[in-house]
């Protein structure tokens, strides 16, 4: 579930980044890197777990699926927090810089 959630997030953010000039101004590319990086990490984890469990990998317990879902959503939330902090620091639209002058 974690892999699936991060891949969906990566694809959605990549489409938004590609389709919108405004999204590129708002540094959505950083989210692309974070989500695709997380997806690669979870893919490697899935391969390692499959090597260990074989057929049992495809029949996870409900509790494991819920835990993986929460982990995937937590990764997305953390990436969004990092992106917002990055935006506040870089201030691409100069909102904070202009506010200090007023």
N, C-alpha and C. Protein backbone atom coordinates (compact mmCIF):
# COMPACT_ATOMS: atom_id res chain seq x y z
N UNK A 1 0.81 -1.20 0.00
CA UNK A 1 0.00 0.00 0.00
C UNK A 1 0.86 1.26 0.00
N UNK A 2 1.95 1.21 0.73
CA UNK A 2 2.82 2.38 0.79
C UNK A 2 3.36 2.71 -0.60
N UNK A 3 3.80 1.70 -1.31
CA UNK A 3 4.30 1.90 -2.67
C UNK A 3 3.21 2.46 -3.56
N UNK A 4 2.03 1.90 -3.49
CA UNK A 4 0.92 2.36 -4.33
C UNK A 4 0.55 3.81 -4.03
N UNK A 5 0.48 4.16 -2.77
CA UNK A 5 0.11 5.53 -2.38
C UNK A 5 1.16 6.53 -2.86
N UNK A 6 2.43 6.21 -2.69
CA UNK A 6 3.47 7.17 -3.11
C UNK A 6 3.57 7.26 -4.63
N UNK A 7 3.32 6.17 -5.34
CA UNK A 7 3.34 6.24 -6.81
C UNK A 7 2.18 7.09 -7.30
N UNK A 8 1.01 6.93 -6.70
CA UNK A 8 -0.13 7.76 -7.10
C UNK A 8 0.17 9.23 -6.84
N UNK A 9 0.73 9.54 -5.68
CA UNK A 9 1.10 10.92 -5.36
C UNK A 9 2.14 11.44 -6.35
N UNK A 10 3.12 10.63 -6.69
CA UNK A 10 4.17 11.04 -7.63
C UNK A 10 3.60 11.33 -9.00
N UNK A 11 2.71 10.47 -9.48
CA UNK A 11 2.13 10.67 -10.81
C UNK A 11 1.26 11.93 -10.82
N UNK A 12 0.43 12.12 -9.80
CA UNK A 12 -0.44 13.30 -9.74
C UNK A 12 0.38 14.58 -9.72
N UNK A 13 1.40 14.62 -8.87
CA UNK A 13 2.23 15.83 -8.76
C UNK A 13 3.02 16.06 -10.04
N UNK A 14 3.49 15.01 -10.68
CA UNK A 14 4.22 15.16 -11.93
C UNK A 14 3.32 15.73 -13.03
N UNK A 15 2.09 15.26 -13.11
CA UNK A 15 1.15 15.79 -14.11
C UNK A 15 0.87 17.26 -13.83
N UNK A 16 0.67 17.61 -12.56
CA UNK A 16 0.44 19.02 -12.21
C UNK A 16 1.66 19.86 -12.58
N UNK A 17 2.85 19.37 -12.26
CA UNK A 17 4.08 20.11 -12.57
C UNK A 17 4.23 20.30 -14.08
N UNK A 18 3.94 19.27 -14.83
CA UNK A 18 4.11 19.32 -16.29
C UNK A 18 3.08 20.24 -16.94
N UNK A 19 1.86 20.24 -16.44
CA UNK A 19 0.76 20.95 -17.09
C UNK A 19 0.67 22.42 -16.72
N UNK A 20 1.30 22.83 -15.64
CA UNK A 20 1.08 24.19 -15.16
C UNK A 20 2.38 24.96 -14.96
N UNK A 21 2.46 26.09 -15.61
CA UNK A 21 3.61 26.98 -15.43
C UNK A 21 3.62 27.53 -14.01
N UNK A 22 2.43 27.81 -13.47
CA UNK A 22 2.33 28.32 -12.11
C UNK A 22 2.87 27.29 -11.10
N UNK A 23 2.62 26.02 -11.36
CA UNK A 23 3.13 24.97 -10.48
C UNK A 23 4.65 24.94 -10.50
N UNK A 24 5.24 25.17 -11.66
CA UNK A 24 6.71 25.20 -11.74
C UNK A 24 7.26 26.39 -10.97
N UNK A 25 6.55 27.52 -10.99
CA UNK A 25 6.97 28.68 -10.20
C UNK A 25 6.92 28.38 -8.71
N UNK A 26 5.95 27.57 -8.31
CA UNK A 26 5.77 27.25 -6.89
C UNK A 26 6.62 26.05 -6.46
N UNK A 27 7.60 25.69 -7.29
CA UNK A 27 8.58 24.64 -6.94
C UNK A 27 7.93 23.28 -6.68
N UNK A 28 6.92 22.93 -7.46
CA UNK A 28 6.27 21.63 -7.32
C UNK A 28 7.23 20.52 -7.75
N UNK A 29 8.25 20.86 -8.52
CA UNK A 29 9.26 19.88 -8.90
C UNK A 29 9.93 19.25 -7.69
N UNK A 30 10.07 19.99 -6.60
CA UNK A 30 10.62 19.44 -5.37
C UNK A 30 9.75 18.30 -4.85
N UNK A 31 8.43 18.48 -4.93
CA UNK A 31 7.52 17.41 -4.53
C UNK A 31 7.68 16.20 -5.44
N UNK A 32 7.88 16.45 -6.74
CA UNK A 32 8.11 15.33 -7.67
C UNK A 32 9.31 14.51 -7.23
N UNK A 33 10.40 15.19 -6.93
CA UNK A 33 11.61 14.47 -6.49
C UNK A 33 11.36 13.68 -5.21
N UNK A 34 10.67 14.29 -4.27
CA UNK A 34 10.43 13.60 -3.00
C UNK A 34 9.53 12.38 -3.19
N UNK A 35 8.45 12.53 -3.97
CA UNK A 35 7.52 11.42 -4.15
C UNK A 35 8.12 10.31 -5.01
N UNK A 36 8.84 10.67 -6.06
CA UNK A 36 9.47 9.62 -6.87
C UNK A 36 10.59 8.94 -6.09
N UNK A 37 11.32 9.68 -5.28
CA UNK A 37 12.35 9.08 -4.43
C UNK A 37 11.75 8.10 -3.43
N UNK A 38 10.63 8.50 -2.82
CA UNK A 38 9.95 7.61 -1.88
C UNK A 38 9.43 6.37 -2.61
N UNK A 39 8.93 6.56 -3.82
CA UNK A 39 8.42 5.42 -4.60
C UNK A 39 9.53 4.43 -4.91
N UNK A 40 10.69 4.94 -5.28
CA UNK A 40 11.82 4.04 -5.54
C UNK A 40 12.23 3.32 -4.27
N UNK A 41 12.24 4.03 -3.16
CA UNK A 41 12.59 3.41 -1.89
C UNK A 41 11.62 2.28 -1.54
N UNK A 42 10.32 2.54 -1.70
CA UNK A 42 9.32 1.51 -1.37
C UNK A 42 9.37 0.36 -2.37
N UNK A 43 9.75 0.64 -3.61
CA UNK A 43 9.89 -0.44 -4.60
C UNK A 43 11.02 -1.39 -4.19
N UNK A 44 12.14 -0.83 -3.78
CA UNK A 44 13.26 -1.66 -3.33
C UNK A 44 12.85 -2.45 -2.09
N UNK A 45 12.12 -1.81 -1.20
CA UNK A 45 11.63 -2.50 -0.01
C UNK A 45 10.69 -3.64 -0.39
N UNK A 46 9.81 -3.41 -1.36
CA UNK A 46 8.87 -4.45 -1.80
C UNK A 46 9.62 -5.63 -2.42
N UNK A 47 10.64 -5.35 -3.21
CA UNK A 47 11.43 -6.43 -3.82
C UNK A 47 12.13 -7.24 -2.74
N UNK A 48 12.73 -6.55 -1.77
CA UNK A 48 13.42 -7.26 -0.68
C UNK A 48 12.44 -8.10 0.14
N UNK A 49 11.27 -7.55 0.39
CA UNK A 49 10.27 -8.30 1.15
C UNK A 49 9.75 -9.50 0.35
N UNK A 50 9.59 -9.33 -0.95
CA UNK A 50 9.15 -10.46 -1.78
C UNK A 50 10.19 -11.57 -1.78
N UNK A 51 11.45 -11.20 -1.85
CA UNK A 51 12.52 -12.21 -1.81
C UNK A 51 12.46 -13.00 -0.51
N UNK A 52 12.12 -12.31 0.57
CA UNK A 52 12.05 -12.96 1.88
C UNK A 52 10.79 -13.81 2.05
N UNK A 53 9.63 -13.29 1.62
CA UNK A 53 8.35 -13.95 1.91
C UNK A 53 7.80 -14.80 0.77
N UNK A 54 8.23 -14.57 -0.44
CA UNK A 54 7.71 -15.24 -1.64
C UNK A 54 6.20 -15.06 -1.77
N UNK A 55 5.45 -16.15 -1.82
CA UNK A 55 4.01 -16.08 -2.08
C UNK A 55 3.25 -15.34 -0.97
N UNK A 56 3.73 -15.40 0.23
CA UNK A 56 3.05 -14.74 1.36
C UNK A 56 3.02 -13.22 1.20
N UNK A 57 3.89 -12.69 0.35
CA UNK A 57 3.92 -11.25 0.11
C UNK A 57 2.60 -10.75 -0.47
N UNK A 58 1.94 -11.59 -1.26
CA UNK A 58 0.72 -11.17 -1.96
C UNK A 58 -0.55 -11.38 -1.13
N UNK A 59 -0.41 -11.86 0.10
CA UNK A 59 -1.57 -12.03 0.98
C UNK A 59 -1.29 -11.38 2.33
N UNK A 60 -1.18 -10.05 2.35
CA UNK A 60 -0.88 -9.38 3.61
C UNK A 60 -2.11 -9.39 4.54
N UNK A 61 -1.84 -9.32 5.82
CA UNK A 61 -2.92 -9.21 6.80
C UNK A 61 -3.52 -7.81 6.73
N UNK A 62 -4.78 -7.70 7.12
CA UNK A 62 -5.48 -6.42 7.10
C UNK A 62 -4.74 -5.39 7.95
N UNK A 63 -4.23 -5.82 9.09
CA UNK A 63 -3.50 -4.91 9.98
C UNK A 63 -2.26 -4.35 9.29
N UNK A 64 -1.55 -5.19 8.54
CA UNK A 64 -0.36 -4.73 7.81
C UNK A 64 -0.74 -3.73 6.72
N UNK A 65 -1.86 -3.96 6.05
CA UNK A 65 -2.30 -3.03 5.01
C UNK A 65 -2.68 -1.68 5.59
N UNK A 66 -3.35 -1.69 6.75
CA UNK A 66 -3.72 -0.43 7.40
C UNK A 66 -2.47 0.31 7.85
N UNK A 67 -1.52 -0.40 8.44
CA UNK A 67 -0.27 0.23 8.87
C UNK A 67 0.49 0.82 7.68
N UNK A 68 0.55 0.08 6.58
CA UNK A 68 1.22 0.58 5.38
C UNK A 68 0.50 1.80 4.82
N UNK A 69 -0.82 1.81 4.88
CA UNK A 69 -1.57 2.96 4.39
C UNK A 69 -1.27 4.20 5.22
N UNK A 70 -1.26 4.03 6.54
CA UNK A 70 -0.92 5.17 7.41
C UNK A 70 0.50 5.65 7.15
N UNK A 71 1.41 4.73 6.92
CA UNK A 71 2.79 5.11 6.63
C UNK A 71 2.87 5.88 5.31
N UNK A 72 2.16 5.41 4.30
CA UNK A 72 2.15 6.11 3.01
C UNK A 72 1.57 7.51 3.12
N UNK A 73 0.47 7.65 3.86
CA UNK A 73 -0.13 8.97 4.05
C UNK A 73 0.78 9.87 4.89
N UNK A 74 1.48 9.28 5.84
CA UNK A 74 2.43 10.06 6.66
C UNK A 74 3.58 10.58 5.81
N UNK A 75 4.06 9.76 4.89
CA UNK A 75 5.14 10.19 4.00
C UNK A 75 4.67 11.36 3.13
N UNK A 76 3.45 11.27 2.62
CA UNK A 76 2.91 12.36 1.81
C UNK A 76 2.76 13.63 2.64
N UNK A 77 2.23 13.50 3.85
CA UNK A 77 2.07 14.66 4.72
C UNK A 77 3.42 15.30 5.05
N UNK A 78 4.41 14.48 5.36
CA UNK A 78 5.74 15.01 5.68
C UNK A 78 6.35 15.72 4.48
N UNK A 79 6.19 15.14 3.27
CA UNK A 79 6.72 15.77 2.07
C UNK A 79 6.04 17.12 1.83
N UNK A 80 4.75 17.20 2.07
CA UNK A 80 4.05 18.47 1.91
C UNK A 80 4.52 19.51 2.92
N UNK A 81 4.80 19.07 4.15
CA UNK A 81 5.33 19.99 5.16
C UNK A 81 6.70 20.51 4.75
N UNK A 82 7.56 19.62 4.27
CA UNK A 82 8.89 20.03 3.80
C UNK A 82 8.76 21.01 2.65
N UNK A 83 7.83 20.77 1.74
CA UNK A 83 7.62 21.66 0.59
C UNK A 83 7.15 23.04 1.04
N UNK A 84 6.23 23.09 2.00
CA UNK A 84 5.73 24.38 2.49
C UNK A 84 6.86 25.15 3.18
N UNK A 85 7.66 24.47 3.98
CA UNK A 85 8.80 25.14 4.63
C UNK A 85 9.77 25.66 3.57
N UNK A 86 10.02 24.86 2.54
CA UNK A 86 10.89 25.29 1.44
C UNK A 86 10.32 26.55 0.78
N UNK A 87 8.99 26.56 0.55
CA UNK A 87 8.36 27.74 -0.06
C UNK A 87 8.50 28.96 0.84
N UNK A 88 8.35 28.77 2.13
CA UNK A 88 8.48 29.90 3.05
C UNK A 88 9.91 30.44 3.05
N UNK A 89 10.88 29.56 2.92
CA UNK A 89 12.28 30.00 2.91
C UNK A 89 12.63 30.67 1.58
N UNK A 90 12.26 30.05 0.46
CA UNK A 90 12.62 30.58 -0.86
C UNK A 90 11.74 31.75 -1.28
N UNK A 91 10.48 31.75 -0.84
CA UNK A 91 9.53 32.83 -1.15
C UNK A 91 9.52 33.18 -2.64
N UNK A 92 9.12 32.22 -3.51
CA UNK A 92 9.21 32.44 -4.96
C UNK A 92 8.35 33.59 -5.48
N UNK A 93 7.28 33.92 -4.83
CA UNK A 93 6.42 35.02 -5.27
C UNK A 93 6.70 36.31 -4.49
N UNK A 94 7.72 36.28 -3.65
CA UNK A 94 8.15 37.44 -2.85
C UNK A 94 7.04 37.99 -1.96
N UNK A 95 6.17 37.13 -1.47
CA UNK A 95 5.08 37.56 -0.60
C UNK A 95 5.62 38.01 0.74
N UNK A 96 6.52 37.25 1.31
CA UNK A 96 7.08 37.60 2.63
C UNK A 96 7.99 38.82 2.51
N UNK A 97 8.78 38.89 1.46
CA UNK A 97 9.69 40.03 1.27
C UNK A 97 8.91 41.33 1.09
N UNK A 98 7.82 41.28 0.33
CA UNK A 98 7.01 42.48 0.13
C UNK A 98 6.25 42.88 1.40
N UNK A 99 5.90 41.91 2.22
CA UNK A 99 5.20 42.19 3.45
C UNK A 99 6.09 42.92 4.46
N UNK A 100 7.37 42.59 4.45
CA UNK A 100 8.33 43.25 5.35
C UNK A 100 8.49 44.72 4.98
N UNK A 101 8.38 45.05 3.70
CA UNK A 101 8.56 46.42 3.24
C UNK A 101 7.36 47.29 3.60
N UNK A 102 6.19 46.69 3.71
CA UNK A 102 4.97 47.46 3.96
C UNK A 102 4.83 47.91 5.38
